[in-house]
Amino acid sequence: MSIWDKPLTHETFDEFFRLFAPPAYRSTYRILGDPTRTENALKESFLEVYHQRNADDVDDLVFLFSDILQKRV
């Protein structure tokens, strides 16, 4: 079970974003070293996790987000 195990809906997406955006930004910025590239990677990753939230193979949104962000970085 994830530390964030709520279904990801339009209403809960803000909470998911507020919880994971700051640490994800710091980690991504350390790797990319560029604020624009970092923001783009995060934006695309959050959008993709939102679009994939109801896929059959999604057991843990945190791991899904992590995998998507890692591919973008």
N, C-alpha and C. Protein backbone atom coordinates (compact mmCIF):
# COMPACT_ATOMS: atom_id res chain seq x y z
N MET A 1 0.84 -1.18 0.00
CA MET A 1 0.00 0.00 0.00
C MET A 1 0.89 1.25 0.00
N SER A 2 0.52 2.20 -0.77
CA SER A 2 1.26 3.44 -0.93
C SER A 2 0.99 4.38 0.24
N ILE A 3 1.88 5.35 0.42
CA ILE A 3 1.61 6.38 1.42
C ILE A 3 0.46 7.27 0.95
N TRP A 4 0.16 7.20 -0.31
CA TRP A 4 -0.96 7.96 -0.87
C TRP A 4 -1.81 6.98 -1.65
N ASP A 5 -2.83 6.44 -1.03
CA ASP A 5 -3.59 5.36 -1.65
C ASP A 5 -5.01 5.75 -2.05
N LYS A 6 -5.27 7.03 -2.13
CA LYS A 6 -6.59 7.49 -2.58
C LYS A 6 -6.70 7.32 -4.09
N PRO A 7 -7.91 7.12 -4.61
CA PRO A 7 -8.06 7.13 -6.07
C PRO A 7 -7.73 8.53 -6.59
N LEU A 8 -7.06 8.58 -7.70
CA LEU A 8 -6.69 9.87 -8.28
C LEU A 8 -7.83 10.37 -9.14
N THR A 9 -8.48 11.41 -8.66
CA THR A 9 -9.59 12.02 -9.37
C THR A 9 -9.24 13.48 -9.63
N HIS A 10 -10.10 14.15 -10.33
CA HIS A 10 -9.90 15.58 -10.58
C HIS A 10 -9.79 16.33 -9.25
N GLU A 11 -10.60 15.92 -8.27
CA GLU A 11 -10.62 16.59 -6.98
C GLU A 11 -9.38 16.28 -6.14
N THR A 12 -8.86 15.07 -6.21
CA THR A 12 -7.72 14.68 -5.37
C THR A 12 -6.38 14.94 -6.05
N PHE A 13 -6.40 15.32 -7.31
CA PHE A 13 -5.15 15.54 -8.02
C PHE A 13 -4.34 16.68 -7.40
N ASP A 14 -5.01 17.74 -6.94
CA ASP A 14 -4.31 18.85 -6.28
C ASP A 14 -3.51 18.37 -5.07
N GLU A 15 -4.13 17.53 -4.27
CA GLU A 15 -3.45 17.01 -3.08
C GLU A 15 -2.25 16.14 -3.48
N PHE A 16 -2.43 15.29 -4.48
CA PHE A 16 -1.34 14.46 -4.99
C PHE A 16 -0.19 15.34 -5.48
N PHE A 17 -0.53 16.38 -6.23
CA PHE A 17 0.48 17.30 -6.76
C PHE A 17 1.23 18.01 -5.63
N ARG A 18 0.50 18.55 -4.67
CA ARG A 18 1.13 19.29 -3.56
C ARG A 18 2.06 18.41 -2.74
N LEU A 19 1.72 17.14 -2.62
CA LEU A 19 2.54 16.22 -1.84
C LEU A 19 3.81 15.81 -2.57
N PHE A 20 3.71 15.56 -3.88
CA PHE A 20 4.84 15.00 -4.60
C PHE A 20 5.63 15.97 -5.46
N ALA A 21 5.09 17.12 -5.77
CA ALA A 21 5.80 18.07 -6.63
C ALA A 21 7.10 18.60 -6.02
N PRO A 22 7.11 19.04 -4.76
CA PRO A 22 8.37 19.59 -4.22
C PRO A 22 9.53 18.61 -4.22
N PRO A 23 9.37 17.39 -3.69
CA PRO A 23 10.53 16.48 -3.72
C PRO A 23 10.88 16.04 -5.13
N ALA A 24 9.88 15.90 -5.98
CA ALA A 24 10.15 15.51 -7.37
C ALA A 24 10.91 16.62 -8.09
N TYR A 25 10.55 17.87 -7.82
CA TYR A 25 11.25 19.00 -8.44
C TYR A 25 12.71 19.01 -8.01
N ARG A 26 12.95 18.88 -6.70
CA ARG A 26 14.33 18.92 -6.20
C ARG A 26 15.18 17.82 -6.82
N SER A 27 14.65 16.61 -6.85
CA SER A 27 15.40 15.48 -7.40
C SER A 27 15.65 15.65 -8.90
N THR A 28 14.64 16.08 -9.61
CA THR A 28 14.76 16.25 -11.06
C THR A 28 15.72 17.38 -11.39
N TYR A 29 15.64 18.47 -10.63
CA TYR A 29 16.54 19.60 -10.88
C TYR A 29 17.99 19.21 -10.64
N ARG A 30 18.25 18.39 -9.60
CA ARG A 30 19.62 17.95 -9.35
C ARG A 30 20.18 17.16 -10.53
N ILE A 31 19.33 16.44 -11.21
CA ILE A 31 19.77 15.64 -12.35
C ILE A 31 19.90 16.50 -13.61
N LEU A 32 18.88 17.30 -13.89
CA LEU A 32 18.86 18.07 -15.14
C LEU A 32 19.61 19.39 -15.06
N GLY A 33 19.59 20.03 -13.90
CA GLY A 33 20.31 21.28 -13.72
C GLY A 33 19.74 22.46 -14.48
N ASP A 34 18.52 22.35 -14.92
CA ASP A 34 17.90 23.43 -15.69
C ASP A 34 16.44 23.55 -15.26
N PRO A 35 16.01 24.74 -14.80
CA PRO A 35 14.64 24.87 -14.31
C PRO A 35 13.57 24.61 -15.37
N THR A 36 13.79 25.05 -16.59
CA THR A 36 12.79 24.85 -17.64
C THR A 36 12.63 23.37 -17.97
N ARG A 37 13.74 22.68 -18.14
CA ARG A 37 13.67 21.24 -18.43
C ARG A 37 13.04 20.48 -17.27
N THR A 38 13.35 20.91 -16.05
CA THR A 38 12.78 20.28 -14.86
C THR A 38 11.27 20.47 -14.83
N GLU A 39 10.82 21.69 -15.04
CA GLU A 39 9.38 21.97 -15.03
C GLU A 39 8.66 21.22 -16.13
N ASN A 40 9.25 21.14 -17.31
CA ASN A 40 8.63 20.40 -18.40
C ASN A 40 8.52 18.91 -18.09
N ALA A 41 9.57 18.33 -17.52
CA ALA A 41 9.54 16.91 -17.17
C ALA A 41 8.45 16.64 -16.13
N LEU A 42 8.35 17.52 -15.15
CA LEU A 42 7.33 17.34 -14.12
C LEU A 42 5.93 17.51 -14.68
N LYS A 43 5.75 18.54 -15.47
CA LYS A 43 4.42 18.79 -16.05
C LYS A 43 3.96 17.60 -16.87
N GLU A 44 4.82 17.12 -17.74
CA GLU A 44 4.47 15.98 -18.59
C GLU A 44 4.23 14.72 -17.76
N SER A 45 5.01 14.54 -16.70
CA SER A 45 4.85 13.35 -15.85
C SER A 45 3.54 13.38 -15.07
N PHE A 46 3.21 14.52 -14.50
CA PHE A 46 1.95 14.62 -13.77
C PHE A 46 0.75 14.44 -14.70
N LEU A 47 0.83 15.00 -15.89
CA LEU A 47 -0.26 14.81 -16.85
C LEU A 47 -0.40 13.34 -17.24
N GLU A 48 0.71 12.70 -17.49
CA GLU A 48 0.65 11.30 -17.89
C GLU A 48 0.11 10.41 -16.78
N VAL A 49 0.53 10.64 -15.54
CA VAL A 49 0.02 9.81 -14.44
C VAL A 49 -1.48 10.05 -14.27
N TYR A 50 -1.94 11.26 -14.49
CA TYR A 50 -3.38 11.53 -14.39
C TYR A 50 -4.13 10.78 -15.48
N HIS A 51 -3.59 10.76 -16.68
CA HIS A 51 -4.26 10.07 -17.78
C HIS A 51 -4.23 8.55 -17.63
N GLN A 52 -3.22 8.03 -16.97
CA GLN A 52 -3.10 6.58 -16.79
C GLN A 52 -3.70 6.08 -15.48
N ARG A 53 -4.27 6.96 -14.69
CA ARG A 53 -4.70 6.62 -13.33
C ARG A 53 -5.69 5.46 -13.26
N ASN A 54 -6.47 5.25 -14.28
CA ASN A 54 -7.48 4.20 -14.24
C ASN A 54 -7.10 2.97 -15.06
N ALA A 55 -5.88 2.89 -15.52
CA ALA A 55 -5.44 1.74 -16.29
C ALA A 55 -5.49 0.49 -15.42
N ASP A 56 -5.73 -0.63 -16.06
CA ASP A 56 -5.87 -1.90 -15.34
C ASP A 56 -4.61 -2.31 -14.59
N ASP A 57 -3.45 -1.96 -15.11
CA ASP A 57 -2.20 -2.42 -14.51
C ASP A 57 -1.62 -1.45 -13.48
N VAL A 58 -2.37 -0.43 -13.07
CA VAL A 58 -1.89 0.55 -12.10
C VAL A 58 -2.31 0.11 -10.70
N ASP A 59 -1.33 -0.35 -9.92
CA ASP A 59 -1.59 -0.74 -8.54
C ASP A 59 -1.22 0.37 -7.57
N ASP A 60 -0.22 1.15 -7.92
CA ASP A 60 0.30 2.16 -7.00
C ASP A 60 0.66 3.41 -7.80
N LEU A 61 -0.08 4.48 -7.56
CA LEU A 61 0.13 5.73 -8.31
C LEU A 61 1.49 6.34 -8.05
N VAL A 62 2.03 6.16 -6.86
CA VAL A 62 3.34 6.72 -6.55
C VAL A 62 4.41 6.05 -7.40
N PHE A 63 4.35 4.73 -7.50
CA PHE A 63 5.32 4.02 -8.34
C PHE A 63 5.12 4.37 -9.81
N LEU A 64 3.87 4.50 -10.24
CA LEU A 64 3.60 4.89 -11.62
C LEU A 64 4.22 6.25 -11.90
N PHE A 65 3.98 7.23 -11.01
CA PHE A 65 4.55 8.56 -11.19
C PHE A 65 6.07 8.50 -11.22
N SER A 66 6.65 7.74 -10.32
CA SER A 66 8.10 7.59 -10.26
C SER A 66 8.66 7.02 -11.56
N ASP A 67 8.03 5.98 -12.09
CA ASP A 67 8.48 5.37 -13.34
C ASP A 67 8.37 6.35 -14.52
N ILE A 68 7.26 7.06 -14.58
CA ILE A 68 7.05 8.02 -15.67
C ILE A 68 8.08 9.14 -15.59
N LEU A 69 8.30 9.68 -14.40
CA LEU A 69 9.26 10.77 -14.25
C LEU A 69 10.67 10.31 -14.56
N GLN A 70 11.01 9.12 -14.13
CA GLN A 70 12.35 8.59 -14.41
C GLN A 70 12.59 8.49 -15.91
N LYS A 71 11.61 8.07 -16.67
CA LYS A 71 11.76 7.98 -18.13
C LYS A 71 11.94 9.36 -18.77
N ARG A 72 11.27 10.35 -18.20
CA ARG A 72 11.36 11.71 -18.77
C ARG A 72 12.69 12.39 -18.43
N VAL A 73 13.28 12.00 -17.30
CA VAL A 73 14.54 12.61 -16.87
C VAL A 73 15.67 11.96 -17.63
